């Protein structure tokens, strides 16, 4: 198994949350066929079936349920790491480590 790309995880999360390739593709701003290919490629890379597909529905497999949970954690961690790097690169800005404005002293 190789490295799973963040784009693949974002695509999977969208399909898993929407339970529809068409709605997920719309949400991501891409066409359905490339999205479907990307999910099949991810399944091949992992060696597991993530989604049960029929002509009318999409459902998560047990492996898909686990990956959805872990993919959300991983994507949140990537976003947090990017924010921390931006803060470290520009310490002159009054960054707050929590959401919302930095507290003021008065």
PDB file of N, CA and C in Angstrom:
ATOM      1  N   UNK A   1       0.844  -1.176   0.000  1.00  0.00           N
ATOM      2  CA  UNK A   1       0.000   0.000   0.000  1.00  0.00           C
ATOM      3  C   UNK A   1       0.886   1.235   0.000  1.00  0.00           C
ATOM      4  N   UNK A   2       0.603   2.158  -0.891  1.00  0.00           N
ATOM      5  CA  UNK A   2       1.357   3.399  -0.977  1.00  0.00           C
ATOM      6  C   UNK A   2       0.740   4.470  -0.092  1.00  0.00           C
ATOM      7  N   UNK A   3       1.217   5.669  -0.281  1.00  0.00           N
ATOM      8  CA  UNK A   3       0.708   6.818   0.453  1.00  0.00           C
ATOM      9  C   UNK A   3      -0.645   7.213  -0.136  1.00  0.00           C
ATOM     10  N   UNK A   4      -1.616   7.435   0.718  1.00  0.00           N
ATOM     11  CA  UNK A   4      -2.935   7.893   0.277  1.00  0.00           C
ATOM     12  C   UNK A   4      -2.896   9.412   0.208  1.00  0.00           C
ATOM     13  N   UNK A   5      -3.280   9.960  -0.923  1.00  0.00           N
ATOM     14  CA  UNK A   5      -3.254  11.407  -1.110  1.00  0.00           C
ATOM     15  C   UNK A   5      -4.453  12.070  -0.454  1.00  0.00           C
ATOM     16  N   UNK A   6      -4.240  13.303  -0.004  1.00  0.00           N
ATOM     17  CA  UNK A   6      -5.334  14.036   0.648  1.00  0.00           C
ATOM     18  C   UNK A   6      -6.501  14.253  -0.308  1.00  0.00           C
ATOM     19  N   UNK A   7      -6.233  14.435  -1.581  1.00  0.00           N
ATOM     20  CA  UNK A   7      -7.316  14.616  -2.559  1.00  0.00           C
ATOM     21  C   UNK A   7      -8.203  13.379  -2.599  1.00  0.00           C
ATOM     22  N   UNK A   8      -7.593  12.211  -2.581  1.00  0.00           N
ATOM     23  CA  UNK A   8      -8.373  10.976  -2.576  1.00  0.00           C
ATOM     24  C   UNK A   8      -9.264  10.905  -1.347  1.00  0.00           C
ATOM     25  N   UNK A   9      -8.722  11.309  -0.204  1.00  0.00           N
ATOM     26  CA  UNK A   9      -9.516  11.301   1.018  1.00  0.00           C
ATOM     27  C   UNK A   9     -10.656  12.306   0.947  1.00  0.00           C
ATOM     28  N   UNK A  10     -10.385  13.503   0.421  1.00  0.00           N
ATOM     29  CA  UNK A  10     -11.452  14.508   0.272  1.00  0.00           C
ATOM     30  C   UNK A  10     -12.554  13.995  -0.642  1.00  0.00           C
ATOM     31  N   UNK A  11     -12.171  13.368  -1.729  1.00  0.00           N
ATOM     32  CA  UNK A  11     -13.159  12.807  -2.645  1.00  0.00           C
ATOM     33  C   UNK A  11     -13.982  11.724  -1.951  1.00  0.00           C
ATOM     34  N   UNK A  12     -13.307  10.840  -1.230  1.00  0.00           N
ATOM     35  CA  UNK A  12     -14.020   9.775  -0.549  1.00  0.00           C
ATOM     36  C   UNK A  12     -14.978  10.330   0.493  1.00  0.00           C
ATOM     37  N   UNK A  13     -14.533  11.287   1.286  1.00  0.00           N
ATOM     38  CA  UNK A  13     -15.390  11.872   2.314  1.00  0.00           C
ATOM     39  C   UNK A  13     -16.634  12.483   1.687  1.00  0.00           C
ATOM     40  N   UNK A  14     -16.471  13.169   0.572  1.00  0.00           N
ATOM     41  CA  UNK A  14     -17.628  13.782  -0.094  1.00  0.00           C
ATOM     42  C   UNK A  14     -18.632  12.718  -0.525  1.00  0.00           C
ATOM     43  N   UNK A  15     -18.164  11.644  -1.148  1.00  0.00           N
ATOM     44  CA  UNK A  15     -19.065  10.574  -1.587  1.00  0.00           C
ATOM     45  C   UNK A  15     -19.705   9.906  -0.376  1.00  0.00           C
ATOM     46  N   UNK A  16     -18.921   9.645   0.654  1.00  0.00           N
ATOM     47  CA  UNK A  16     -19.435   8.968   1.845  1.00  0.00           C
ATOM     48  C   UNK A  16     -20.474   9.824   2.562  1.00  0.00           C
ATOM     49  N   UNK A  17     -20.274  11.119   2.603  1.00  0.00           N
ATOM     50  CA  UNK A  17     -21.242  11.996   3.272  1.00  0.00           C
ATOM     51  C   UNK A  17     -22.498  12.207   2.436  1.00  0.00           C
ATOM     52  N   UNK A  18     -22.340  12.305   1.139  1.00  0.00           N
ATOM     53  CA  UNK A  18     -23.488  12.530   0.262  1.00  0.00           C
ATOM     54  C   UNK A  18     -24.222  11.237  -0.082  1.00  0.00           C
ATOM     55  N   UNK A  19     -23.510  10.112  -0.015  1.00  0.00           N
ATOM     56  CA  UNK A  19     -24.020   8.814  -0.466  1.00  0.00           C
ATOM     57  C   UNK A  19     -24.580   8.919  -1.882  1.00  0.00           C
ATOM     58  N   UNK A  20     -23.869   9.705  -2.681  1.00  0.00           N
ATOM     59  CA  UNK A  20     -24.240   9.924  -4.089  1.00  0.00           C
ATOM     60  C   UNK A  20     -23.019  10.457  -4.825  1.00  0.00           C
ATOM     61  N   UNK A  21     -22.659   9.797  -5.909  1.00  0.00           N
ATOM     62  CA  UNK A  21     -21.540  10.295  -6.709  1.00  0.00           C
ATOM     63  C   UNK A  21     -21.890  11.615  -7.372  1.00  0.00           C
ATOM     64  N   UNK A  22     -23.122  11.747  -7.840  1.00  0.00           N
ATOM     65  CA  UNK A  22     -23.528  12.984  -8.531  1.00  0.00           C
ATOM     66  C   UNK A  22     -23.481  14.178  -7.577  1.00  0.00           C
ATOM     67  N   UNK A  23     -24.058  14.032  -6.391  1.00  0.00           N
ATOM     68  CA  UNK A  23     -24.050  15.147  -5.431  1.00  0.00           C
ATOM     69  C   UNK A  23     -22.629  15.440  -4.941  1.00  0.00           C
ATOM     70  N   UNK A  24     -21.838  14.393  -4.721  1.00  0.00           N
ATOM     71  CA  UNK A  24     -20.455  14.597  -4.288  1.00  0.00           C
ATOM     72  C   UNK A  24     -19.657  15.314  -5.372  1.00  0.00           C
ATOM     73  N   UNK A  25     -19.856  14.917  -6.624  1.00  0.00           N
ATOM     74  CA  UNK A  25     -19.153  15.573  -7.733  1.00  0.00           C
ATOM     75  C   UNK A  25     -19.531  17.045  -7.814  1.00  0.00           C
ATOM     76  N   UNK A  26     -20.807  17.328  -7.644  1.00  0.00           N
ATOM     77  CA  UNK A  26     -21.261  18.724  -7.668  1.00  0.00           C
ATOM     78  C   UNK A  26     -20.621  19.505  -6.526  1.00  0.00           C
ATOM     79  N   UNK A  27     -20.619  18.932  -5.361  1.00  0.00           N
ATOM     80  CA  UNK A  27     -20.016  19.566  -4.179  1.00  0.00           C
ATOM     81  C   UNK A  27     -18.535  19.854  -4.395  1.00  0.00           C
ATOM     82  N   UNK A  28     -17.842  18.931  -5.064  1.00  0.00           N
ATOM     83  CA  UNK A  28     -16.405  19.071  -5.305  1.00  0.00           C
ATOM     84  C   UNK A  28     -16.086  19.902  -6.542  1.00  0.00           C
ATOM     85  N   UNK A  29     -17.095  20.142  -7.358  1.00  0.00           N
ATOM     86  CA  UNK A  29     -16.875  20.910  -8.588  1.00  0.00           C
ATOM     87  C   UNK A  29     -16.164  20.116  -9.664  1.00  0.00           C
ATOM     88  N   UNK A  30     -16.396  18.804  -9.697  1.00  0.00           N
ATOM     89  CA  UNK A  30     -15.810  17.960 -10.736  1.00  0.00           C
ATOM     90  C   UNK A  30     -16.913  17.110 -11.354  1.00  0.00           C
ATOM     91  N   UNK A  31     -16.599  16.419 -12.419  1.00  0.00           N
ATOM     92  CA  UNK A  31     -17.562  15.527 -13.066  1.00  0.00           C
ATOM     93  C   UNK A  31     -17.598  14.184 -12.331  1.00  0.00           C
ATOM     94  N   UNK A  32     -18.714  13.489 -12.477  1.00  0.00           N
ATOM     95  CA  UNK A  32     -18.874  12.197 -11.797  1.00  0.00           C
ATOM     96  C   UNK A  32     -17.902  11.118 -12.260  1.00  0.00           C
ATOM     97  N   UNK A  33     -17.647  10.957 -13.578  1.00  0.00           N
ATOM     98  CA  UNK A  33     -16.750   9.867 -13.994  1.00  0.00           C
ATOM     99  C   UNK A  33     -15.348   9.926 -13.379  1.00  0.00           C
ATOM    100  N   UNK A  34     -14.683  11.097 -13.350  1.00  0.00           N
ATOM    101  CA  UNK A  34     -13.363  11.123 -12.705  1.00  0.00           C
ATOM    102  C   UNK A  34     -13.443  10.842 -11.200  1.00  0.00           C
ATOM    103  N   UNK A  35     -14.539  11.262 -10.579  1.00  0.00           N
ATOM    104  CA  UNK A  35     -14.717  10.989  -9.161  1.00  0.00           C
ATOM    105  C   UNK A  35     -14.854   9.486  -8.929  1.00  0.00           C
ATOM    106  N   UNK A  36     -15.652   8.851  -9.731  1.00  0.00           N
ATOM    107  CA  UNK A  36     -15.831   7.400  -9.618  1.00  0.00           C
ATOM    108  C   UNK A  36     -14.511   6.665  -9.833  1.00  0.00           C
ATOM    109  N   UNK A  37     -13.745   7.100 -10.828  1.00  0.00           N
ATOM    110  CA  UNK A  37     -12.431   6.482 -11.083  1.00  0.00           C
ATOM    111  C   UNK A  37     -11.498   6.675  -9.894  1.00  0.00           C
ATOM    112  N   UNK A  38     -11.521   7.867  -9.307  1.00  0.00           N
ATOM    113  CA  UNK A  38     -10.645   8.145  -8.160  1.00  0.00           C
ATOM    114  C   UNK A  38     -10.994   7.252  -6.974  1.00  0.00           C
ATOM    115  N   UNK A  39     -12.290   7.018  -6.747  1.00  0.00           N
ATOM    116  CA  UNK A  39     -12.703   6.162  -5.633  1.00  0.00           C
ATOM    117  C   UNK A  39     -12.307   4.711  -5.911  1.00  0.00           C
ATOM    118  N   UNK A  40     -12.480   4.266  -7.144  1.00  0.00           N
ATOM    119  CA  UNK A  40     -12.065   2.898  -7.491  1.00  0.00           C
ATOM    120  C   UNK A  40     -10.545   2.730  -7.326  1.00  0.00           C
ATOM    121  N   UNK A  41      -9.804   3.756  -7.702  1.00  0.00           N
ATOM    122  CA  UNK A  41      -8.350   3.715  -7.540  1.00  0.00           C
ATOM    123  C   UNK A  41      -7.986   3.644  -6.056  1.00  0.00           C
ATOM    124  N   UNK A  42      -8.668   4.437  -5.224  1.00  0.00           N
ATOM    125  CA  UNK A  42      -8.417   4.405  -3.788  1.00  0.00           C
ATOM    126  C   UNK A  42      -8.716   3.014  -3.228  1.00  0.00           C
ATOM    127  N   UNK A  43      -9.824   2.430  -3.642  1.00  0.00           N
ATOM    128  CA  UNK A  43     -10.162   1.075  -3.189  1.00  0.00           C
ATOM    129  C   UNK A  43      -9.089   0.076  -3.613  1.00  0.00           C
ATOM    130  N   UNK A  44      -8.593   0.212  -4.839  1.00  0.00           N
ATOM    131  CA  UNK A  44      -7.541  -0.692  -5.323  1.00  0.00           C
ATOM    132  C   UNK A  44      -6.255  -0.508  -4.526  1.00  0.00           C
ATOM    133  N   UNK A  45      -5.896   0.751  -4.245  1.00  0.00           N
ATOM    134  CA  UNK A  45      -4.683   1.023  -3.471  1.00  0.00           C
ATOM    135  C   UNK A  45      -4.770   0.436  -2.072  1.00  0.00           C
ATOM    136  N   UNK A  46      -5.954   0.525  -1.469  1.00  0.00           N
ATOM    137  CA  UNK A  46      -6.139   0.019  -0.111  1.00  0.00           C
ATOM    138  C   UNK A  46      -6.429  -1.479  -0.081  1.00  0.00           C
ATOM    139  N   UNK A  47      -6.884  -2.016  -1.208  1.00  0.00           N
ATOM    140  CA  UNK A  47      -7.222  -3.430  -1.275  1.00  0.00           C
ATOM    141  C   UNK A  47      -8.516  -3.776  -0.564  1.00  0.00           C
ATOM    142  N   UNK A  48      -9.424  -2.799  -0.462  1.00  0.00           N
ATOM    143  CA  UNK A  48     -10.714  -3.007   0.204  1.00  0.00           C
ATOM    144  C   UNK A  48     -11.828  -2.336  -0.596  1.00  0.00           C
ATOM    145  N   UNK A  49     -13.042  -2.827  -0.397  1.00  0.00           N
ATOM    146  CA  UNK A  49     -14.214  -2.167  -0.965  1.00  0.00           C
ATOM    147  C   UNK A  49     -14.728  -1.188   0.073  1.00  0.00           C
ATOM    148  N   UNK A  50     -14.822   0.078  -0.306  1.00  0.00           N
ATOM    149  CA  UNK A  50     -15.255   1.121   0.618  1.00  0.00           C
ATOM    150  C   UNK A  50     -16.741   1.422   0.495  1.00  0.00           C
ATOM    151  N   UNK A  51     -17.250   1.233  -0.728  1.00  0.00           N
ATOM    152  CA  UNK A  51     -18.638   1.588  -1.011  1.00  0.00           C
ATOM    153  C   UNK A  51     -19.337   0.455  -1.734  1.00  0.00           C
ATOM    154  N   UNK A  52     -20.561   0.184  -1.337  1.00  0.00           N
ATOM    155  CA  UNK A  52     -21.428  -0.728  -2.076  1.00  0.00           C
ATOM    156  C   UNK A  52     -22.230   0.142  -3.028  1.00  0.00           C
ATOM    157  N   UNK A  53     -22.146  -0.160  -4.309  1.00  0.00           N
ATOM    158  CA  UNK A  53     -22.809   0.653  -5.316  1.00  0.00           C
ATOM    159  C   UNK A  53     -23.915  -0.145  -5.980  1.00  0.00           C
ATOM    160  N   UNK A  54     -25.024   0.519  -6.215  1.00  0.00           N
ATOM    161  CA  UNK A  54     -26.069  -0.038  -7.067  1.00  0.00           C
ATOM    162  C   UNK A  54     -26.473   1.079  -8.023  1.00  0.00           C
ATOM    163  N   UNK A  55     -27.393   0.798  -8.918  1.00  0.00           N
ATOM    164  CA  UNK A  55     -27.788   1.837  -9.871  1.00  0.00           C
ATOM    165  C   UNK A  55     -28.506   2.988  -9.178  1.00  0.00           C
ATOM    166  N   UNK A  56     -29.037   2.750  -7.998  1.00  0.00           N
ATOM    167  CA  UNK A  56     -29.806   3.793  -7.310  1.00  0.00           C
ATOM    168  C   UNK A  56     -29.240   4.255  -5.979  1.00  0.00           C
ATOM    169  N   UNK A  57     -28.239   3.559  -5.474  1.00  0.00           N
ATOM    170  CA  UNK A  57     -27.764   3.949  -4.148  1.00  0.00           C
ATOM    171  C   UNK A  57     -26.284   3.671  -3.959  1.00  0.00           C
ATOM    172  N   UNK A  58     -25.748   4.317  -2.945  1.00  0.00           N
ATOM    173  CA  UNK A  58     -24.368   4.110  -2.502  1.00  0.00           C
ATOM    174  C   UNK A  58     -24.442   3.914  -0.991  1.00  0.00           C
ATOM    175  N   UNK A  59     -23.742   2.913  -0.483  1.00  0.00           N
ATOM    176  CA  UNK A  59     -23.709   2.669   0.958  1.00  0.00           C
ATOM    177  C   UNK A  59     -22.278   2.374   1.375  1.00  0.00           C
ATOM    178  N   UNK A  60     -21.951   2.746   2.583  1.00  0.00           N
ATOM    179  CA  UNK A  60     -20.621   2.474   3.118  1.00  0.00           C
ATOM    180  C   UNK A  60     -20.508   1.019   3.557  1.00  0.00           C
ATOM    181  N   UNK A  61     -19.379   0.416   3.261  1.00  0.00           N
ATOM    182  CA  UNK A  61     -19.054  -0.895   3.807  1.00  0.00           C
ATOM    183  C   UNK A  61     -18.475  -0.656   5.209  1.00  0.00           C
ATOM    184  N   UNK A  62     -18.258  -1.712   5.986  1.00  0.00           N
ATOM    185  CA  UNK A  62     -17.580  -1.509   7.276  1.00  0.00           C
ATOM    186  C   UNK A  62     -16.210  -0.830   7.111  1.00  0.00           C
ATOM    187  N   UNK A  63     -15.464  -1.214   6.091  1.00  0.00           N
ATOM    188  CA  UNK A  63     -14.170  -0.563   5.837  1.00  0.00           C
ATOM    189  C   UNK A  63     -14.367   0.906   5.483  1.00  0.00           C
ATOM    190  N   UNK A  64     -15.403   1.200   4.723  1.00  0.00           N
ATOM    191  CA  UNK A  64     -15.706   2.577   4.359  1.00  0.00           C
ATOM    192  C   UNK A  64     -16.070   3.425   5.561  1.00  0.00           C
ATOM    193  N   UNK A  65     -16.800   2.829   6.496  1.00  0.00           N
ATOM    194  CA  UNK A  65     -17.180   3.547   7.715  1.00  0.00           C
ATOM    195  C   UNK A  65     -15.945   3.926   8.523  1.00  0.00           C
ATOM    196  N   UNK A  66     -15.019   2.967   8.643  1.00  0.00           N
ATOM    197  CA  UNK A  66     -13.773   3.239   9.373  1.00  0.00           C
ATOM    198  C   UNK A  66     -12.963   4.306   8.652  1.00  0.00           C
ATOM    199  N   UNK A  67     -12.833   4.191   7.333  1.00  0.00           N
ATOM    200  CA  UNK A  67     -12.041   5.167   6.601  1.00  0.00           C
ATOM    201  C   UNK A  67     -12.672   6.552   6.682  1.00  0.00           C
ATOM    202  N   UNK A  68     -13.982   6.651   6.632  1.00  0.00           N
ATOM    203  CA  UNK A  68     -14.636   7.959   6.729  1.00  0.00           C
ATOM    204  C   UNK A  68     -14.247   8.641   8.037  1.00  0.00           C
ATOM    205  N   UNK A  69     -14.344   7.924   9.125  1.00  0.00           N
ATOM    206  CA  UNK A  69     -13.981   8.496  10.427  1.00  0.00           C
ATOM    207  C   UNK A  69     -12.524   8.932  10.451  1.00  0.00           C
ATOM    208  N   UNK A  70     -11.641   8.064   9.995  1.00  0.00           N
ATOM    209  CA  UNK A  70     -10.207   8.357  10.036  1.00  0.00           C
ATOM    210  C   UNK A  70      -9.806   9.425   9.014  1.00  0.00           C
ATOM    211  N   UNK A  71     -10.473   9.445   7.877  1.00  0.00           N
ATOM    212  CA  UNK A  71     -10.177  10.456   6.853  1.00  0.00           C
ATOM    213  C   UNK A  71     -10.540  11.846   7.359  1.00  0.00           C
ATOM    214  N   UNK A  72     -11.656  11.951   8.058  1.00  0.00           N
ATOM    215  CA  UNK A  72     -12.031  13.251   8.637  1.00  0.00           C
ATOM    216  C   UNK A  72     -10.963  13.725   9.613  1.00  0.00           C
ATOM    217  N   UNK A  73     -10.475  12.830  10.460  1.00  0.00           N
ATOM    218  CA  UNK A  73      -9.426  13.170  11.426  1.00  0.00           C
ATOM    219  C   UNK A  73      -8.158  13.604  10.684  1.00  0.00           C
ATOM    220  N   UNK A  74      -7.775  12.840   9.676  1.00  0.00           N
ATOM    221  CA  UNK A  74      -6.550  13.136   8.926  1.00  0.00           C
ATOM    222  C   UNK A  74      -6.652  14.477   8.200  1.00  0.00           C
ATOM    223  N   UNK A  75      -7.789  14.738   7.555  1.00  0.00           N
ATOM    224  CA  UNK A  75      -7.951  15.998   6.831  1.00  0.00           C
ATOM    225  C   UNK A  75      -7.983  17.179   7.796  1.00  0.00           C
ATOM    226  N   UNK A  76      -8.620  17.016   8.942  1.00  0.00           N
ATOM    227  CA  UNK A  76      -8.601  18.081   9.955  1.00  0.00           C
ATOM    228  C   UNK A  76      -7.174  18.348  10.430  1.00  0.00           C
ATOM    229  N   UNK A  77      -6.397  17.281  10.614  1.00  0.00           N
ATOM    230  CA  UNK A  77      -5.006  17.428  11.056  1.00  0.00           C
ATOM    231  C   UNK A  77      -4.167  18.143  10.008  1.00  0.00           C
ATOM    232  N   UNK A  78      -4.392  17.837   8.732  1.00  0.00           N
ATOM    233  CA  UNK A  78      -3.662  18.520   7.663  1.00  0.00           C
ATOM    234  C   UNK A  78      -3.984  20.009   7.632  1.00  0.00           C
ATOM    235  N   UNK A  79      -5.256  20.334   7.785  1.00  0.00           N
ATOM    236  CA  UNK A  79      -5.651  21.748   7.806  1.00  0.00           C
ATOM    237  C   UNK A  79      -5.034  22.464   8.997  1.00  0.00           C
ATOM    238  N   UNK A  80      -5.040  21.819  10.156  1.00  0.00           N
ATOM    239  CA  UNK A  80      -4.444  22.420  11.353  1.00  0.00           C
ATOM    240  C   UNK A  80      -2.943  22.620  11.170  1.00  0.00           C
ATOM    241  N   UNK A  81      -2.278  21.651  10.574  1.00  0.00           N
ATOM    242  CA  UNK A  81      -0.835  21.774  10.335  1.00  0.00           C
ATOM    243  C   UNK A  81      -0.539  22.946   9.402  1.00  0.00           C
ATOM    244  N   UNK A  82      -1.347  23.110   8.377  1.00  0.00           N
ATOM    245  CA  UNK A  82      -1.147  24.227   7.449  1.00  0.00           C
ATOM    246  C   UNK A  82      -1.334  25.564   8.176  1.00  0.00           C
ATOM    247  N   UNK A  83      -2.354  25.657   9.011  1.00  0.00           N
ATOM    248  CA  UNK A  83      -2.589  26.900   9.768  1.00  0.00           C
ATOM    249  C   UNK A  83      -1.424  27.190  10.703  1.00  0.00           C
ATOM    250  N   UNK A  84      -0.925  26.151  11.368  1.00  0.00           N
ATOM    251  CA  UNK A  84       0.203  26.351  12.292  1.00  0.00           C
ATOM    252  C   UNK A  84       1.456  26.801  11.547  1.00  0.00           C
ATOM    253  N   UNK A  85       1.684  26.244  10.380  1.00  0.00           N
ATOM    254  CA  UNK A  85       2.847  26.655   9.579  1.00  0.00           C
ATOM    255  C   UNK A  85       2.718  28.116   9.161  1.00  0.00           C
ATOM    256  N   UNK A  86       1.507  28.518   8.766  1.00  0.00           N
ATOM    257  CA  UNK A  86       1.290  29.917   8.387  1.00  0.00           C
ATOM    258  C   UNK A  86       1.545  30.845   9.571  1.00  0.00           C
ATOM    259  N   UNK A  87       1.081  30.443  10.741  1.00  0.00           N
ATOM    260  CA  UNK A  87       1.300  31.259  11.935  1.00  0.00           C
ATOM    261  C   UNK A  87       2.788  31.359  12.263  1.00  0.00           C
ATOM    262  N   UNK A  88       3.492  30.258  12.134  1.00  0.00           N
ATOM    263  CA  UNK A  88       4.926  30.246  12.436  1.00  0.00           C
ATOM    264  C   UNK A  88       5.707  31.102  11.449  1.00  0.00           C
ATOM    265  N   UNK A  89       5.235  31.162  10.218  1.00  0.00           N
ATOM    266  CA  UNK A  89       5.932  31.934   9.193  1.00  0.00           C
ATOM    267  C   UNK A  89       5.719  33.431   9.367  1.00  0.00           C
ATOM    268  N   UNK A  90       4.680  33.829  10.065  1.00  0.00           N
ATOM    269  CA  UNK A  90       4.382  35.257  10.225  1.00  0.00           C
ATOM    270  C   UNK A  90       4.012  35.547  11.675  1.00  0.00           C
ATOM    271  N   UNK A  91       5.004  35.503  12.572  1.00  0.00           N
ATOM    272  CA  UNK A  91       4.701  35.706  13.989  1.00  0.00           C
ATOM    273  C   UNK A  91       4.280  37.129  14.324  1.00  0.00           C
ATOM    274  N   UNK A  92       4.494  38.078  13.410  1.00  0.00           N
ATOM    275  CA  UNK A  92       4.115  39.459  13.687  1.00  0.00           C
ATOM    276  C   UNK A  92       2.600  39.646  13.693  1.00  0.00           C
ATOM    277  N   UNK A  93       1.899  38.745  13.028  1.00  0.00           N
ATOM    278  CA  UNK A  93       0.430  38.822  13.058  1.00  0.00           C
ATOM    279  C   UNK A  93      -0.043  38.332  14.409  1.00  0.00           C
ATOM    280  N   UNK A  94      -1.093  38.895  14.892  1.00  0.00           N
ATOM    281  CA  UNK A  94      -1.605  38.531  16.210  1.00  0.00           C
ATOM    282  C   UNK A  94      -2.503  37.307  16.094  1.00  0.00           C
ATOM    283  N   UNK A  95      -1.887  36.134  15.771  1.00  0.00           N
ATOM    284  CA  UNK A  95      -2.634  34.889  15.602  1.00  0.00           C
ATOM    285  C   UNK A  95      -3.147  34.410  16.940  1.00  0.00           C
ATOM    286  N   UNK A  96      -4.278  33.798  16.927  1.00  0.00           N
ATOM    287  CA  UNK A  96      -4.818  33.137  18.113  1.00  0.00           C
ATOM    288  C   UNK A  96      -4.779  31.642  17.865  1.00  0.00           C
ATOM    289  N   UNK A  97      -4.391  30.855  18.852  1.00  0.00           N
ATOM    290  CA  UNK A  97      -4.320  29.408  18.690  1.00  0.00           C
ATOM    291  C   UNK A  97      -5.683  28.750  18.797  1.00  0.00           C
ATOM    292  N   UNK A  98      -6.674  29.532  19.143  1.00  0.00           N
ATOM    293  CA  UNK A  98      -8.035  29.005  19.150  1.00  0.00           C
ATOM    294  C   UNK A  98      -8.869  29.863  18.203  1.00  0.00           C
ATOM    295  N   UNK A  99     -10.045  29.417  17.887  1.00  0.00           N
ATOM    296  CA  UNK A  99     -10.847  30.177  16.941  1.00  0.00           C
ATOM    297  C   UNK A  99     -11.280  31.498  17.567  1.00  0.00           C
ATOM    298  N   UNK A 100     -11.451  32.463  16.723  1.00  0.00           N
ATOM    299  CA  UNK A 100     -11.864  33.782  17.202  1.00  0.00           C
ATOM    300  C   UNK A 100     -10.678  34.707  17.338  1.00  0.00           C
ATOM    301  N   UNK A 101     -10.946  35.956  17.618  1.00  0.00           N
ATOM    302  CA  UNK A 101      -9.851  36.933  17.722  1.00  0.00           C
ATOM    303  C   UNK A 101      -9.008  36.686  18.964  1.00  0.00           C
ATOM    304  N   UNK A 102      -7.793  37.161  18.892  1.00  0.00           N
ATOM    305  CA  UNK A 102      -6.893  37.043  20.045  1.00  0.00           C
ATOM    306  C   UNK A 102      -7.395  37.936  21.161  1.00  0.00           C
ATOM    307  N   UNK A 103      -7.214  37.504  22.397  1.00  0.00           N
ATOM    308  CA  UNK A 103      -7.658  38.343  23.521  1.00  0.00           C
ATOM    309  C   UNK A 103      -6.833  39.617  23.591  1.00  0.00           C
ATOM    310  N   UNK A 104      -7.456  40.674  24.030  1.00  0.00           N
ATOM    311  CA  UNK A 104      -6.750  41.954  24.180  1.00  0.00           C
ATOM    312  C   UNK A 104      -6.552  42.210  25.663  1.00  0.00           C
ATOM    313  N   UNK A 105      -5.514  42.942  25.961  1.00  0.00           N
ATOM    314  CA  UNK A 105      -5.247  43.284  27.372  1.00  0.00           C
ATOM    315  C   UNK A 105      -5.712  44.714  27.577  1.00  0.00           C
ATOM    316  N   UNK A 106      -6.386  44.937  28.648  1.00  0.00           N
ATOM    317  CA  UNK A 106      -6.882  46.292  28.852  1.00  0.00           C
ATOM    318  C   UNK A 106      -7.024  46.718  30.213  1.00  0.00           C
TER     319      UNK A 106
END
